Amino acid sequence: MQQNWWVPIVQWTLWGVAMSVVMGWMARNRMKPRPEQLANDLRHPVSTLVLGLVGFVFFAGVAVVSDTVGKNKTTSIWTTLPFLFFALMSLAMIASELAGC
């Protein structure tokens, strides 16, 4: 079955809009003024923690699904490890935010 010509255009447009919204939110969050006593502290904005949590839940969920519900004869440890790697990288973002680095 042939795909309509407009489907990829709509998909990439929605992707671009979603990325613009997320990056705009992160930029606005980064530029918020802080209290005077915290003005000289270098800290991540709260959006970094949110992005780390969303990334961890997404990639850990994909790893679990790829080894349970989506398991087939081509599933191996090499199909799951990249998702676990990205989940661990998201945990590094969360740990950095919680540690105040």
PDB file of N, CA and C in Angstrom:
ATOM      1  N   MET A   1       0.836  -1.177   0.000  1.00  0.00           N
ATOM      2  CA  MET A   1       0.000   0.000   0.000  1.00  0.00           C
ATOM      3  C   MET A   1       0.884   1.245   0.000  1.00  0.00           C
ATOM      4  N   GLN A   2       0.607   2.155  -0.912  1.00  0.00           N
ATOM      5  CA  GLN A   2       1.425   3.352  -1.058  1.00  0.00           C
ATOM      6  C   GLN A   2       0.995   4.424  -0.066  1.00  0.00           C
ATOM      7  N   GLN A   3       1.993   5.046   0.547  1.00  0.00           N
ATOM      8  CA  GLN A   3       1.735   6.086   1.534  1.00  0.00           C
ATOM      9  C   GLN A   3       1.451   7.410   0.812  1.00  0.00           C
ATOM     10  N   ASN A   4       0.553   8.188   1.359  1.00  0.00           N
ATOM     11  CA  ASN A   4       0.268   9.495   0.781  1.00  0.00           C
ATOM     12  C   ASN A   4       1.493  10.390   0.875  1.00  0.00           C
ATOM     13  N   TRP A   5       1.631  11.320  -0.058  1.00  0.00           N
ATOM     14  CA  TRP A   5       2.796  12.194  -0.114  1.00  0.00           C
ATOM     15  C   TRP A   5       2.850  13.164   1.057  1.00  0.00           C
ATOM     16  N   TRP A   6       1.723  13.472   1.661  1.00  0.00           N
ATOM     17  CA  TRP A   6       1.682  14.483   2.700  1.00  0.00           C
ATOM     18  C   TRP A   6       1.982  13.934   4.085  1.00  0.00           C
ATOM     19  N   VAL A   7       1.959  12.619   4.251  1.00  0.00           N
ATOM     20  CA  VAL A   7       2.177  12.036   5.578  1.00  0.00           C
ATOM     21  C   VAL A   7       3.572  12.366   6.129  1.00  0.00           C
ATOM     22  N   PRO A   8       4.666  12.197   5.362  1.00  0.00           N
ATOM     23  CA  PRO A   8       5.980  12.576   5.916  1.00  0.00           C
ATOM     24  C   PRO A   8       6.088  14.069   6.228  1.00  0.00           C
ATOM     25  N   ILE A   9       5.430  14.889   5.423  1.00  0.00           N
ATOM     26  CA  ILE A   9       5.477  16.329   5.672  1.00  0.00           C
ATOM     27  C   ILE A   9       4.803  16.652   7.009  1.00  0.00           C
ATOM     28  N   VAL A  10       3.652  16.045   7.269  1.00  0.00           N
ATOM     29  CA  VAL A  10       2.943  16.271   8.528  1.00  0.00           C
ATOM     30  C   VAL A  10       3.756  15.731   9.701  1.00  0.00           C
ATOM     31  N   GLN A  11       4.357  14.542   9.537  1.00  0.00           N
ATOM     32  CA  GLN A  11       5.159  13.961  10.622  1.00  0.00           C
ATOM     33  C   GLN A  11       6.335  14.856  10.985  1.00  0.00           C
ATOM     34  N   TRP A  12       7.086  15.338   9.992  1.00  0.00           N
ATOM     35  CA  TRP A  12       8.255  16.177  10.270  1.00  0.00           C
ATOM     36  C   TRP A  12       7.844  17.555  10.782  1.00  0.00           C
ATOM     37  N   THR A  13       6.707  18.051  10.315  1.00  0.00           N
ATOM     38  CA  THR A  13       6.217  19.339  10.830  1.00  0.00           C
ATOM     39  C   THR A  13       5.836  19.216  12.300  1.00  0.00           C
ATOM     40  N   LEU A  14       5.120  18.145  12.660  1.00  0.00           N
ATOM     41  CA  LEU A  14       4.759  17.935  14.064  1.00  0.00           C
ATOM     42  C   LEU A  14       5.998  17.747  14.933  1.00  0.00           C
ATOM     43  N   TRP A  15       6.986  17.024  14.414  1.00  0.00           N
ATOM     44  CA  TRP A  15       8.238  16.836  15.149  1.00  0.00           C
ATOM     45  C   TRP A  15       8.930  18.182  15.377  1.00  0.00           C
ATOM     46  N   GLY A  16       8.987  19.015  14.340  1.00  0.00           N
ATOM     47  CA  GLY A  16       9.609  20.329  14.468  1.00  0.00           C
ATOM     48  C   GLY A  16       8.885  21.220  15.457  1.00  0.00           C
ATOM     49  N   VAL A  17       7.561  21.199  15.431  1.00  0.00           N
ATOM     50  CA  VAL A  17       6.777  22.011  16.367  1.00  0.00           C
ATOM     51  C   VAL A  17       6.994  21.518  17.801  1.00  0.00           C
ATOM     52  N   ALA A  18       6.965  20.198  17.997  1.00  0.00           N
ATOM     53  CA  ALA A  18       7.166  19.646  19.345  1.00  0.00           C
ATOM     54  C   ALA A  18       8.556  20.008  19.877  1.00  0.00           C
ATOM     55  N   MET A  19       9.579  19.892  19.045  1.00  0.00           N
ATOM     56  CA  MET A  19      10.934  20.231  19.480  1.00  0.00           C
ATOM     57  C   MET A  19      11.056  21.721  19.780  1.00  0.00           C
ATOM     58  N   SER A  20      10.413  22.553  18.980  1.00  0.00           N
ATOM     59  CA  SER A  20      10.452  23.994  19.225  1.00  0.00           C
ATOM     60  C   SER A  20       9.786  24.340  20.550  1.00  0.00           C
ATOM     61  N   VAL A  21       8.671  23.689  20.848  1.00  0.00           N
ATOM     62  CA  VAL A  21       7.979  23.946  22.111  1.00  0.00           C
ATOM     63  C   VAL A  21       8.839  23.519  23.296  1.00  0.00           C
ATOM     64  N   VAL A  22       9.426  22.332  23.225  1.00  0.00           N
ATOM     65  CA  VAL A  22      10.251  21.831  24.332  1.00  0.00           C
ATOM     66  C   VAL A  22      11.493  22.702  24.517  1.00  0.00           C
ATOM     67  N   MET A  23      12.179  23.034  23.440  1.00  0.00           N
ATOM     68  CA  MET A  23      13.391  23.848  23.559  1.00  0.00           C
ATOM     69  C   MET A  23      13.064  25.267  24.016  1.00  0.00           C
ATOM     70  N   GLY A  24      11.934  25.803  23.577  1.00  0.00           N
ATOM     71  CA  GLY A  24      11.516  27.121  24.059  1.00  0.00           C
ATOM     72  C   GLY A  24      11.211  27.101  25.540  1.00  0.00           C
ATOM     73  N   TRP A  25      10.546  26.033  25.995  1.00  0.00           N
ATOM     74  CA  TRP A  25      10.254  25.893  27.418  1.00  0.00           C
ATOM     75  C   TRP A  25      11.547  25.813  28.226  1.00  0.00           C
ATOM     76  N   MET A  26      12.514  25.038  27.719  1.00  0.00           N
ATOM     77  CA  MET A  26      13.784  24.922  28.434  1.00  0.00           C
ATOM     78  C   MET A  26      14.525  26.260  28.472  1.00  0.00           C
ATOM     79  N   ALA A  27      14.486  27.007  27.368  1.00  0.00           N
ATOM     80  CA  ALA A  27      15.168  28.310  27.341  1.00  0.00           C
ATOM     81  C   ALA A  27      14.499  29.303  28.285  1.00  0.00           C
ATOM     82  N   ARG A  28      13.172  29.325  28.297  1.00  0.00           N
ATOM     83  CA  ARG A  28      12.470  30.225  29.215  1.00  0.00           C
ATOM     84  C   ARG A  28      12.761  29.858  30.669  1.00  0.00           C
ATOM     85  N   ASN A  29      12.808  28.566  30.963  1.00  0.00           N
ATOM     86  CA  ASN A  29      13.084  28.103  32.321  1.00  0.00           C
ATOM     87  C   ASN A  29      14.499  28.486  32.740  1.00  0.00           C
ATOM     88  N   ARG A  30      15.418  28.471  31.797  1.00  0.00           N
ATOM     89  CA  ARG A  30      16.810  28.806  32.084  1.00  0.00           C
ATOM     90  C   ARG A  30      16.983  30.290  32.373  1.00  0.00           C
ATOM     91  N   MET A  31      16.140  31.116  31.785  1.00  0.00           N
ATOM     92  CA  MET A  31      16.289  32.563  31.912  1.00  0.00           C
ATOM     93  C   MET A  31      15.501  33.176  33.073  1.00  0.00           C
ATOM     94  N   LYS A  32      14.819  32.359  33.861  1.00  0.00           N
ATOM     95  CA  LYS A  32      14.058  32.896  34.994  1.00  0.00           C
ATOM     96  C   LYS A  32      15.008  33.549  36.002  1.00  0.00           C
ATOM     97  N   PRO A  33      14.615  34.710  36.533  1.00  0.00           N
ATOM     98  CA  PRO A  33      15.462  35.329  37.563  1.00  0.00           C
ATOM     99  C   PRO A  33      15.447  34.497  38.847  1.00  0.00           C
ATOM    100  N   ARG A  34      16.577  34.529  39.533  1.00  0.00           N
ATOM    101  CA  ARG A  34      16.703  33.746  40.760  1.00  0.00           C
ATOM    102  C   ARG A  34      16.833  34.674  41.955  1.00  0.00           C
ATOM    103  N   PRO A  35      16.541  34.170  43.155  1.00  0.00           N
ATOM    104  CA  PRO A  35      16.691  35.003  44.356  1.00  0.00           C
ATOM    105  C   PRO A  35      18.145  35.472  44.516  1.00  0.00           C
ATOM    106  N   GLU A  36      18.313  36.590  45.160  1.00  0.00           N
ATOM    107  CA  GLU A  36      19.638  37.207  45.321  1.00  0.00           C
ATOM    108  C   GLU A  36      20.647  36.275  45.989  1.00  0.00           C
ATOM    109  N   GLN A  37      20.211  35.510  46.998  1.00  0.00           N
ATOM    110  CA  GLN A  37      21.153  34.625  47.707  1.00  0.00           C
ATOM    111  C   GLN A  37      21.610  33.454  46.845  1.00  0.00           C
ATOM    112  N   LEU A  38      20.894  33.137  45.756  1.00  0.00           N
ATOM    113  CA  LEU A  38      21.292  32.044  44.865  1.00  0.00           C
ATOM    114  C   LEU A  38      21.874  32.557  43.550  1.00  0.00           C
ATOM    115  N   ALA A  39      22.063  33.863  43.438  1.00  0.00           N
ATOM    116  CA  ALA A  39      22.479  34.455  42.167  1.00  0.00           C
ATOM    117  C   ALA A  39      23.856  33.976  41.716  1.00  0.00           C
ATOM    118  N   ASN A  40      24.750  33.660  42.628  1.00  0.00           N
ATOM    119  CA  ASN A  40      26.101  33.249  42.252  1.00  0.00           C
ATOM    120  C   ASN A  40      26.292  31.738  42.230  1.00  0.00           C
ATOM    121  N   ASP A  41      25.235  30.974  42.461  1.00  0.00           N
ATOM    122  CA  ASP A  41      25.325  29.511  42.411  1.00  0.00           C
ATOM    123  C   ASP A  41      25.035  29.029  41.004  1.00  0.00           C
ATOM    124  N   LEU A  42      25.868  28.145  40.513  1.00  0.00           N
ATOM    125  CA  LEU A  42      25.658  27.558  39.199  1.00  0.00           C
ATOM    126  C   LEU A  42      24.801  26.309  39.375  1.00  0.00           C
ATOM    127  N   ARG A  43      23.580  26.353  38.877  1.00  0.00           N
ATOM    128  CA  ARG A  43      22.640  25.247  39.050  1.00  0.00           C
ATOM    129  C   ARG A  43      21.900  25.000  37.750  1.00  0.00           C
ATOM    130  N   HIS A  44      21.454  23.751  37.596  1.00  0.00           N
ATOM    131  CA  HIS A  44      20.617  23.405  36.456  1.00  0.00           C
ATOM    132  C   HIS A  44      19.205  23.935  36.673  1.00  0.00           C
ATOM    133  N   PRO A  45      18.517  24.292  35.590  1.00  0.00           N
ATOM    134  CA  PRO A  45      17.098  24.630  35.746  1.00  0.00           C
ATOM    135  C   PRO A  45      16.275  23.372  36.005  1.00  0.00           C
ATOM    136  N   VAL A  46      15.072  23.541  36.496  1.00  0.00           N
ATOM    137  CA  VAL A  46      14.193  22.410  36.817  1.00  0.00           C
ATOM    138  C   VAL A  46      13.872  21.604  35.552  1.00  0.00           C
ATOM    139  N   SER A  47      13.879  22.255  34.393  1.00  0.00           N
ATOM    140  CA  SER A  47      13.573  21.547  33.154  1.00  0.00           C
ATOM    141  C   SER A  47      14.574  20.423  32.875  1.00  0.00           C
ATOM    142  N   THR A  48      15.801  20.545  33.379  1.00  0.00           N
ATOM    143  CA  THR A  48      16.786  19.474  33.215  1.00  0.00           C
ATOM    144  C   THR A  48      16.346  18.223  33.966  1.00  0.00           C
ATOM    145  N   LEU A  49      15.827  18.410  35.163  1.00  0.00           N
ATOM    146  CA  LEU A  49      15.323  17.273  35.936  1.00  0.00           C
ATOM    147  C   LEU A  49      14.128  16.629  35.241  1.00  0.00           C
ATOM    148  N   VAL A  50      13.217  17.445  34.748  1.00  0.00           N
ATOM    149  CA  VAL A  50      12.043  16.918  34.057  1.00  0.00           C
ATOM    150  C   VAL A  50      12.458  16.152  32.812  1.00  0.00           C
ATOM    151  N   LEU A  51      13.380  16.722  32.039  1.00  0.00           N
ATOM    152  CA  LEU A  51      13.849  16.051  30.828  1.00  0.00           C
ATOM    153  C   LEU A  51      14.550  14.737  31.163  1.00  0.00           C
ATOM    154  N   GLY A  52      15.317  14.707  32.248  1.00  0.00           N
ATOM    155  CA  GLY A  52      15.959  13.462  32.676  1.00  0.00           C
ATOM    156  C   GLY A  52      14.951  12.411  33.097  1.00  0.00           C
ATOM    157  N   LEU A  53      13.925  12.820  33.828  1.00  0.00           N
ATOM    158  CA  LEU A  53      12.890  11.870  34.253  1.00  0.00           C
ATOM    159  C   LEU A  53      12.112  11.310  33.063  1.00  0.00           C
ATOM    160  N   VAL A  54      11.738  12.184  32.139  1.00  0.00           N
ATOM    161  CA  VAL A  54      11.012  11.736  30.950  1.00  0.00           C
ATOM    162  C   VAL A  54      11.884  10.794  30.118  1.00  0.00           C
ATOM    163  N   GLY A  55      13.154  11.143  29.957  1.00  0.00           N
ATOM    164  CA  GLY A  55      14.064  10.285  29.207  1.00  0.00           C
ATOM    165  C   GLY A  55      14.245   8.926  29.856  1.00  0.00           C
ATOM    166  N   PHE A  56      14.388   8.903  31.183  1.00  0.00           N
ATOM    167  CA  PHE A  56      14.560   7.632  31.872  1.00  0.00           C
ATOM    168  C   PHE A  56      13.325   6.750  31.735  1.00  0.00           C
ATOM    169  N   VAL A  57      12.159   7.331  31.973  1.00  0.00           N
ATOM    170  CA  VAL A  57      10.924   6.546  31.871  1.00  0.00           C
ATOM    171  C   VAL A  57      10.740   6.020  30.454  1.00  0.00           C
ATOM    172  N   PHE A  58      11.008   6.862  29.455  1.00  0.00           N
ATOM    173  CA  PHE A  58      10.836   6.432  28.071  1.00  0.00           C
ATOM    174  C   PHE A  58      11.793   5.305  27.708  1.00  0.00           C
ATOM    175  N   PHE A  59      13.093   5.503  27.927  1.00  0.00           N
ATOM    176  CA  PHE A  59      14.068   4.509  27.489  1.00  0.00           C
ATOM    177  C   PHE A  59      14.021   3.236  28.329  1.00  0.00           C
ATOM    178  N   ALA A  60      13.773   3.356  29.629  1.00  0.00           N
ATOM    179  CA  ALA A  60      13.623   2.148  30.445  1.00  0.00           C
ATOM    180  C   ALA A  60      12.364   1.396  30.028  1.00  0.00           C
ATOM    181  N   GLY A  61      11.304   2.119  29.717  1.00  0.00           N
ATOM    182  CA  GLY A  61      10.081   1.471  29.245  1.00  0.00           C
ATOM    183  C   GLY A  61      10.279   0.754  27.929  1.00  0.00           C
ATOM    184  N   VAL A  62      10.997   1.385  27.001  1.00  0.00           N
ATOM    185  CA  VAL A  62      11.272   0.729  25.715  1.00  0.00           C
ATOM    186  C   VAL A  62      12.132  -0.513  25.935  1.00  0.00           C
ATOM    187  N   ALA A  63      13.094  -0.444  26.851  1.00  0.00           N
ATOM    188  CA  ALA A  63      13.931  -1.614  27.128  1.00  0.00           C
ATOM    189  C   ALA A  63      13.104  -2.763  27.693  1.00  0.00           C
ATOM    190  N   VAL A  64      12.197  -2.451  28.593  1.00  0.00           N
ATOM    191  CA  VAL A  64      11.347  -3.496  29.174  1.00  0.00           C
ATOM    192  C   VAL A  64      10.424  -4.085  28.116  1.00  0.00           C
ATOM    193  N   VAL A  65       9.805  -3.228  27.328  1.00  0.00           N
ATOM    194  CA  VAL A  65       8.890  -3.710  26.287  1.00  0.00           C
ATOM    195  C   VAL A  65       9.642  -4.535  25.245  1.00  0.00           C
ATOM    196  N   SER A  66      10.865  -4.126  24.907  1.00  0.00           N
ATOM    197  CA  SER A  66      11.604  -4.870  23.889  1.00  0.00           C
ATOM    198  C   SER A  66      11.990  -6.267  24.361  1.00  0.00           C
ATOM    199  N   ASP A  67      12.047  -6.471  25.675  1.00  0.00           N
ATOM    200  CA  ASP A  67      12.390  -7.801  26.183  1.00  0.00           C
ATOM    201  C   ASP A  67      11.185  -8.601  26.660  1.00  0.00           C
ATOM    202  N   THR A  68      10.020  -7.995  26.692  1.00  0.00           N
ATOM    203  CA  THR A  68       8.832  -8.732  27.159  1.00  0.00           C
ATOM    204  C   THR A  68       7.777  -8.797  26.064  1.00  0.00           C
ATOM    205  N   VAL A  69       7.012  -7.753  25.909  1.00  0.00           N
ATOM    206  CA  VAL A  69       5.897  -7.741  24.963  1.00  0.00           C
ATOM    207  C   VAL A  69       6.382  -7.830  23.523  1.00  0.00           C
ATOM    208  N   GLY A  70       7.446  -7.091  23.195  1.00  0.00           N
ATOM    209  CA  GLY A  70       7.935  -7.055  21.822  1.00  0.00           C
ATOM    210  C   GLY A  70       8.958  -8.114  21.499  1.00  0.00           C
ATOM    211  N   LYS A  71       9.108  -9.104  22.348  1.00  0.00           N
ATOM    212  CA  LYS A  71      10.148 -10.126  22.143  1.00  0.00           C
ATOM    213  C   LYS A  71       9.765 -11.016  20.960  1.00  0.00           C
ATOM    214  N   ASN A  72      10.753 -11.221  20.081  1.00  0.00           N
ATOM    215  CA  ASN A  72      10.586 -12.141  18.966  1.00  0.00           C
ATOM    216  C   ASN A  72      11.912 -12.841  18.709  1.00  0.00           C
ATOM    217  N   LYS A  73      12.032 -13.539  17.596  1.00  0.00           N
ATOM    218  CA  LYS A  73      13.246 -14.337  17.360  1.00  0.00           C
ATOM    219  C   LYS A  73      14.475 -13.470  17.078  1.00  0.00           C
ATOM    220  N   THR A  74      14.287 -12.190  16.742  1.00  0.00           N
ATOM    221  CA  THR A  74      15.437 -11.323  16.493  1.00  0.00           C
ATOM    222  C   THR A  74      15.875 -10.557  17.730  1.00  0.00           C
ATOM    223  N   THR A  75      15.148 -10.687  18.829  1.00  0.00           N
ATOM    224  CA  THR A  75      15.496  -9.966  20.052  1.00  0.00           C
ATOM    225  C   THR A  75      16.729 -10.584  20.685  1.00  0.00           C
ATOM    226  N   SER A  76      17.681  -9.710  21.026  1.00  0.00           N
ATOM    227  CA  SER A  76      18.887 -10.169  21.719  1.00  0.00           C
ATOM    228  C   SER A  76      19.278  -9.090  22.729  1.00  0.00           C
ATOM    229  N   ILE A  77      20.352  -9.346  23.422  1.00  0.00           N
ATOM    230  CA  ILE A  77      20.839  -8.369  24.389  1.00  0.00           C
ATOM    231  C   ILE A  77      21.266  -7.095  23.677  1.00  0.00           C
ATOM    232  N   TRP A  78      21.683  -7.221  22.414  1.00  0.00           N
ATOM    233  CA  TRP A  78      22.155  -6.066  21.651  1.00  0.00           C
ATOM    234  C   TRP A  78      21.012  -5.158  21.199  1.00  0.00           C
ATOM    235  N   THR A  79      19.789  -5.636  21.237  1.00  0.00           N
ATOM    236  CA  THR A  79      18.658  -4.753  20.937  1.00  0.00           C
ATOM    237  C   THR A  79      18.181  -4.025  22.185  1.00  0.00           C
ATOM    238  N   THR A  80      18.536  -4.527  23.354  1.00  0.00           N
ATOM    239  CA  THR A  80      18.099  -3.916  24.606  1.00  0.00           C
ATOM    240  C   THR A  80      19.163  -2.991  25.206  1.00  0.00           C
ATOM    241  N   LEU A  81      20.422  -3.320  25.040  1.00  0.00           N
ATOM    242  CA  LEU A  81      21.499  -2.528  25.651  1.00  0.00           C
ATOM    243  C   LEU A  81      21.506  -1.053  25.256  1.00  0.00           C
ATOM    244  N   PRO A  82      21.276  -0.693  24.004  1.00  0.00           N
ATOM    245  CA  PRO A  82      21.256   0.758  23.702  1.00  0.00           C
ATOM    246  C   PRO A  82      20.173   1.511  24.480  1.00  0.00           C
ATOM    247  N   PHE A  83      19.010   0.890  24.654  1.00  0.00           N
ATOM    248  CA  PHE A  83      17.955   1.553  25.419  1.00  0.00           C
ATOM    249  C   PHE A  83      18.337   1.671  26.885  1.00  0.00           C
ATOM    250  N   LEU A  84      18.965   0.663  27.428  1.00  0.00           N
ATOM    251  CA  LEU A  84      19.430   0.738  28.816  1.00  0.00           C
ATOM    252  C   LEU A  84      20.525   1.784  28.972  1.00  0.00           C
ATOM    253  N   PHE A  85      21.399   1.905  27.972  1.00  0.00           N
ATOM    254  CA  PHE A  85      22.445   2.922  27.996  1.00  0.00           C
ATOM    255  C   PHE A  85      21.837   4.317  28.064  1.00  0.00           C
ATOM    256  N   PHE A  86      20.852   4.589  27.213  1.00  0.00           N
ATOM    257  CA  PHE A  86      20.218   5.902  27.228  1.00  0.00           C
ATOM    258  C   PHE A  86      19.443   6.139  28.524  1.00  0.00           C
ATOM    259  N   ALA A  87      18.868   5.093  29.094  1.00  0.00           N
ATOM    260  CA  ALA A  87      18.191   5.236  30.387  1.00  0.00           C
ATOM    261  C   ALA A  87      19.206   5.600  31.476  1.00  0.00           C
ATOM    262  N   LEU A  88      20.375   4.984  31.442  1.00  0.00           N
ATOM    263  CA  LEU A  88      21.419   5.319  32.421  1.00  0.00           C
ATOM    264  C   LEU A  88      21.931   6.740  32.219  1.00  0.00           C
ATOM    265  N   MET A  89      22.025   7.190  30.986  1.00  0.00           N
ATOM    266  CA  MET A  89      22.442   8.562  30.729  1.00  0.00           C
ATOM    267  C   MET A  89      21.405   9.547  31.284  1.00  0.00           C
ATOM    268  N   SER A  90      20.141   9.177  31.193  1.00  0.00           N
ATOM    269  CA  SER A  90      19.093  10.012  31.779  1.00  0.00           C
ATOM    270  C   SER A  90      19.215  10.035  33.299  1.00  0.00           C
ATOM    271  N   LEU A  91      19.576   8.894  33.883  1.00  0.00           N
ATOM    272  CA  LEU A  91      19.800   8.871  35.334  1.00  0.00           C
ATOM    273  C   LEU A  91      20.956   9.782  35.725  1.00  0.00           C
ATOM    274  N   ALA A  92      21.961   9.891  34.866  1.00  0.00           N
ATOM    275  CA  ALA A  92      23.074  10.807  35.143  1.00  0.00           C
ATOM    276  C   ALA A  92      22.577  12.253  35.174  1.00  0.00           C
ATOM    277  N   MET A  93      21.641  12.601  34.279  1.00  0.00           N
ATOM    278  CA  MET A  93      21.057  13.951  34.303  1.00  0.00           C
ATOM    279  C   MET A  93      20.304  14.187  35.602  1.00  0.00           C
ATOM    280  N   ILE A  94      19.556  13.179  36.031  1.00  0.00           N
ATOM    281  CA  ILE A  94      18.772  13.307  37.264  1.00  0.00           C
ATOM    282  C   ILE A  94      19.698  13.435  38.471  1.00  0.00           C
ATOM    283  N   ALA A  95      20.732  12.608  38.523  1.00  0.00           N
ATOM    284  CA  ALA A  95      21.673  12.652  39.635  1.00  0.00           C
ATOM    285  C   ALA A  95      22.398  13.996  39.688  1.00  0.00           C
ATOM    286  N   SER A  96      22.759  14.534  38.543  1.00  0.00           N
ATOM    287  CA  SER A  96      23.435  15.823  38.501  1.00  0.00           C
ATOM    288  C   SER A  96      22.518  16.924  39.021  1.00  0.00           C
ATOM    289  N   GLU A  97      21.262  16.853  38.664  1.00  0.00           N
ATOM    290  CA  GLU A  97      20.295  17.857  39.129  1.00  0.00           C
ATOM    291  C   GLU A  97      20.070  17.746  40.629  1.00  0.00           C
ATOM    292  N   LEU A  98      19.903  16.526  41.116  1.00  0.00           N
ATOM    293  CA  LEU A  98      19.628  16.336  42.543  1.00  0.00           C
ATOM    294  C   LEU A  98      20.832  16.633  43.417  1.00  0.00           C
ATOM    295  N   ALA A  99      22.042  16.437  42.862  1.00  0.00           N
ATOM    296  CA  ALA A  99      23.251  16.716  43.624  1.00  0.00           C
ATOM    297  C   ALA A  99      23.577  18.213  43.648  1.00  0.00           C
ATOM    298  N   GLY A 100      22.914  18.956  42.782  1.00  0.00           N
ATOM    299  CA  GLY A 100      23.146  20.394  42.756  1.00  0.00           C
ATOM    300  C   GLY A 100      24.418  20.781  42.020  1.00  0.00           C
ATOM    301  N   CYS A 101      24.868  19.917  41.129  1.00  0.00           N
ATOM    302  CA  CYS A 101      26.100  20.217  40.367  1.00  0.00           C
ATOM    303  C   CYS A 101      25.836  21.167  39.245  1.00  0.00           C
TER     304      CYS A 101
END
